Amino acid sequence: MANKNLRTCEKGHEYYKSSDCPTCPVCEQERKPADGFLSLLGAPARRALENKGIKTVKQLSEFTKADILKLHGMGPASMPKLQAALAAEGLSFKNKGK
């Protein structure tokens, strides 16, 4: 494997990684929620929301789209999933200036 280093996480999982990112993909898969809106997202986007303390759709509705897109790990591909989760609860992103 070109430029990939074998690593072992604290739990003993072995995996190859080419970046400096210390996240173990096996541990991340184990952490992934089985349901809820966070289960729809990839690990970087999910961690971005969790690190901001956003764990519910109601909490998500307190932020603007721009706020969410500024989070490290959040990409534009996640926005339709977030908007659908908000709409399913009768909510939306906060409007700028409110």
C-alpha atoms as a PDB file:
ATOM      1  CA  MET A   1       0.000   0.000   0.000  1.00  0.00           C
ATOM      2  CA  ALA A   2       1.667   3.150  -1.230  1.00  0.00           C
ATOM      3  CA  ASN A   3       2.228   5.842   1.421  1.00  0.00           C
ATOM      4  CA  LYS A   4      -0.049   4.125   3.940  1.00  0.00           C
ATOM      5  CA  ASN A   5       1.176   3.301   7.395  1.00  0.00           C
ATOM      6  CA  LEU A   6      -0.078   0.443   9.533  1.00  0.00           C
ATOM      7  CA  ARG A   7      -1.436   1.772  12.800  1.00  0.00           C
ATOM      8  CA  THR A   8      -2.962   0.255  15.885  1.00  0.00           C
ATOM      9  CA  CYS A   9      -5.535   2.132  17.964  1.00  0.00           C
ATOM     10  CA  GLU A  10      -5.910   2.015  21.754  1.00  0.00           C
ATOM     11  CA  LYS A  11      -8.425  -0.830  21.398  1.00  0.00           C
ATOM     12  CA  GLY A  12      -5.992  -2.916  19.325  1.00  0.00           C
ATOM     13  CA  HIS A  13      -7.617  -2.447  15.900  1.00  0.00           C
ATOM     14  CA  GLU A  14      -5.082  -2.445  13.071  1.00  0.00           C
ATOM     15  CA  TYR A  15      -5.695  -0.196  10.073  1.00  0.00           C
ATOM     16  CA  TYR A  16      -3.799   1.619   7.341  1.00  0.00           C
ATOM     17  CA  LYS A  17      -3.834   5.402   7.113  1.00  0.00           C
ATOM     18  CA  SER A  18      -2.021   7.793   4.784  1.00  0.00           C
ATOM     19  CA  SER A  19      -2.991  11.007   6.589  1.00  0.00           C
ATOM     20  CA  ASP A  20      -2.087  12.317  10.043  1.00  0.00           C
ATOM     21  CA  CYS A  21      -5.689  11.808  11.166  1.00  0.00           C
ATOM     22  CA  PRO A  22      -5.585   9.674  14.334  1.00  0.00           C
ATOM     23  CA  THR A  23      -9.152   8.356  13.968  1.00  0.00           C
ATOM     24  CA  CYS A  24      -9.506   4.585  13.808  1.00  0.00           C
ATOM     25  CA  PRO A  25     -12.061   3.617  11.132  1.00  0.00           C
ATOM     26  CA  VAL A  26     -13.065   0.476  13.053  1.00  0.00           C
ATOM     27  CA  CYS A  27     -13.798   2.466  16.225  1.00  0.00           C
ATOM     28  CA  GLU A  28     -15.701   5.062  14.198  1.00  0.00           C
ATOM     29  CA  GLN A  29     -17.899   2.373  12.656  1.00  0.00           C
ATOM     30  CA  GLU A  30     -18.607   0.992  16.130  1.00  0.00           C
ATOM     31  CA  ARG A  31     -19.537   4.489  17.376  1.00  0.00           C
ATOM     32  CA  LYS A  32     -21.960   5.174  14.514  1.00  0.00           C
ATOM     33  CA  PRO A  33     -25.531   5.530  15.815  1.00  0.00           C
ATOM     34  CA  ALA A  34     -28.000   2.904  14.602  1.00  0.00           C
ATOM     35  CA  ASP A  35     -30.755   5.482  14.088  1.00  0.00           C
ATOM     36  CA  GLY A  36     -31.499   9.188  14.254  1.00  0.00           C
ATOM     37  CA  PHE A  37     -30.281  11.931  11.982  1.00  0.00           C
ATOM     38  CA  LEU A  38     -26.623  11.473  12.988  1.00  0.00           C
ATOM     39  CA  SER A  39     -26.752   7.926  11.596  1.00  0.00           C
ATOM     40  CA  LEU A  40     -27.315   9.396   8.111  1.00  0.00           C
ATOM     41  CA  LEU A  41     -24.009  11.267   8.100  1.00  0.00           C
ATOM     42  CA  GLY A  42     -20.443  10.264   7.422  1.00  0.00           C
ATOM     43  CA  ALA A  43     -18.048  10.167  10.364  1.00  0.00           C
ATOM     44  CA  PRO A  44     -16.391  13.589   9.760  1.00  0.00           C
ATOM     45  CA  ALA A  45     -19.753  15.385   9.559  1.00  0.00           C
ATOM     46  CA  ARG A  46     -21.121  13.483  12.562  1.00  0.00           C
ATOM     47  CA  ARG A  47     -18.041  14.340  14.648  1.00  0.00           C
ATOM     48  CA  ALA A  48     -18.299  17.996  13.588  1.00  0.00           C
ATOM     49  CA  LEU A  49     -21.844  18.206  14.967  1.00  0.00           C
ATOM     50  CA  GLU A  50     -21.044  16.210  18.105  1.00  0.00           C
ATOM     51  CA  ASN A  51     -18.024  18.407  18.845  1.00  0.00           C
ATOM     52  CA  LYS A  52     -20.322  21.438  18.649  1.00  0.00           C
ATOM     53  CA  GLY A  53     -22.744  19.757  21.075  1.00  0.00           C
ATOM     54  CA  ILE A  54     -25.400  19.138  18.412  1.00  0.00           C
ATOM     55  CA  LYS A  55     -26.981  15.774  19.102  1.00  0.00           C
ATOM     56  CA  THR A  56     -30.649  16.414  18.305  1.00  0.00           C
ATOM     57  CA  VAL A  57     -32.570  17.900  15.391  1.00  0.00           C
ATOM     58  CA  LYS A  58     -33.924  20.571  17.759  1.00  0.00           C
ATOM     59  CA  GLN A  59     -30.369  21.625  18.630  1.00  0.00           C
ATOM     60  CA  LEU A  60     -29.495  21.656  14.908  1.00  0.00           C
ATOM     61  CA  SER A  61     -32.396  24.059  14.230  1.00  0.00           C
ATOM     62  CA  GLU A  62     -30.717  26.662  16.445  1.00  0.00           C
ATOM     63  CA  PHE A  63     -27.956  27.182  13.858  1.00  0.00           C
ATOM     64  CA  THR A  64     -27.876  28.722  10.383  1.00  0.00           C
ATOM     65  CA  LYS A  65     -26.733  26.751   7.338  1.00  0.00           C
ATOM     66  CA  ALA A  66     -23.644  28.950   7.237  1.00  0.00           C
ATOM     67  CA  ASP A  67     -22.837  28.114  10.878  1.00  0.00           C
ATOM     68  CA  ILE A  68     -23.004  24.393  10.126  1.00  0.00           C
ATOM     69  CA  LEU A  69     -20.963  24.618   6.924  1.00  0.00           C
ATOM     70  CA  LYS A  70     -18.171  26.385   8.841  1.00  0.00           C
ATOM     71  CA  LEU A  71     -17.652  23.342  11.064  1.00  0.00           C
ATOM     72  CA  HIS A  72     -14.513  21.348  10.279  1.00  0.00           C
ATOM     73  CA  GLY A  73     -15.572  18.069   8.687  1.00  0.00           C
ATOM     74  CA  MET A  74     -18.923  19.316   7.426  1.00  0.00           C
ATOM     75  CA  GLY A  75     -19.351  19.381   3.660  1.00  0.00           C
ATOM     76  CA  PRO A  76     -22.111  20.534   1.353  1.00  0.00           C
ATOM     77  CA  ALA A  77     -23.127  16.920   0.605  1.00  0.00           C
ATOM     78  CA  SER A  78     -24.390  16.579   4.186  1.00  0.00           C
ATOM     79  CA  MET A  79     -26.732  19.562   3.956  1.00  0.00           C
ATOM     80  CA  PRO A  80     -29.621  17.830   2.104  1.00  0.00           C
ATOM     81  CA  LYS A  81     -29.625  15.074   4.751  1.00  0.00           C
ATOM     82  CA  LEU A  82     -29.691  17.650   7.542  1.00  0.00           C
ATOM     83  CA  GLN A  83     -32.455  19.659   5.857  1.00  0.00           C
ATOM     84  CA  ALA A  84     -34.540  16.486   5.400  1.00  0.00           C
ATOM     85  CA  ALA A  85     -34.071  15.593   9.080  1.00  0.00           C
ATOM     86  CA  LEU A  86     -35.169  19.091  10.098  1.00  0.00           C
ATOM     87  CA  ALA A  87     -38.187  19.035   7.755  1.00  0.00           C
ATOM     88  CA  ALA A  88     -39.286  15.640   9.126  1.00  0.00           C
ATOM     89  CA  GLU A  89     -39.604  17.306  12.544  1.00  0.00           C
ATOM     90  CA  GLY A  90     -41.289  20.454  11.170  1.00  0.00           C
ATOM     91  CA  LEU A  91     -38.104  22.470  11.743  1.00  0.00           C
ATOM     92  CA  SER A  92     -35.597  24.345   9.605  1.00  0.00           C
ATOM     93  CA  PHE A  93     -32.235  26.018   9.943  1.00  0.00           C
ATOM     94  CA  LYS A  94     -32.245  29.321  11.778  1.00  0.00           C
ATOM     95  CA  ASN A  95     -32.480  32.333   9.484  1.00  0.00           C
ATOM     96  CA  LYS A  96     -29.505  34.662   9.428  1.00  0.00           C
ATOM     97  CA  GLY A  97     -29.952  37.619  11.722  1.00  0.00           C
ATOM     98  CA  LYS A  98     -32.528  36.018  14.040  1.00  0.00           C
END
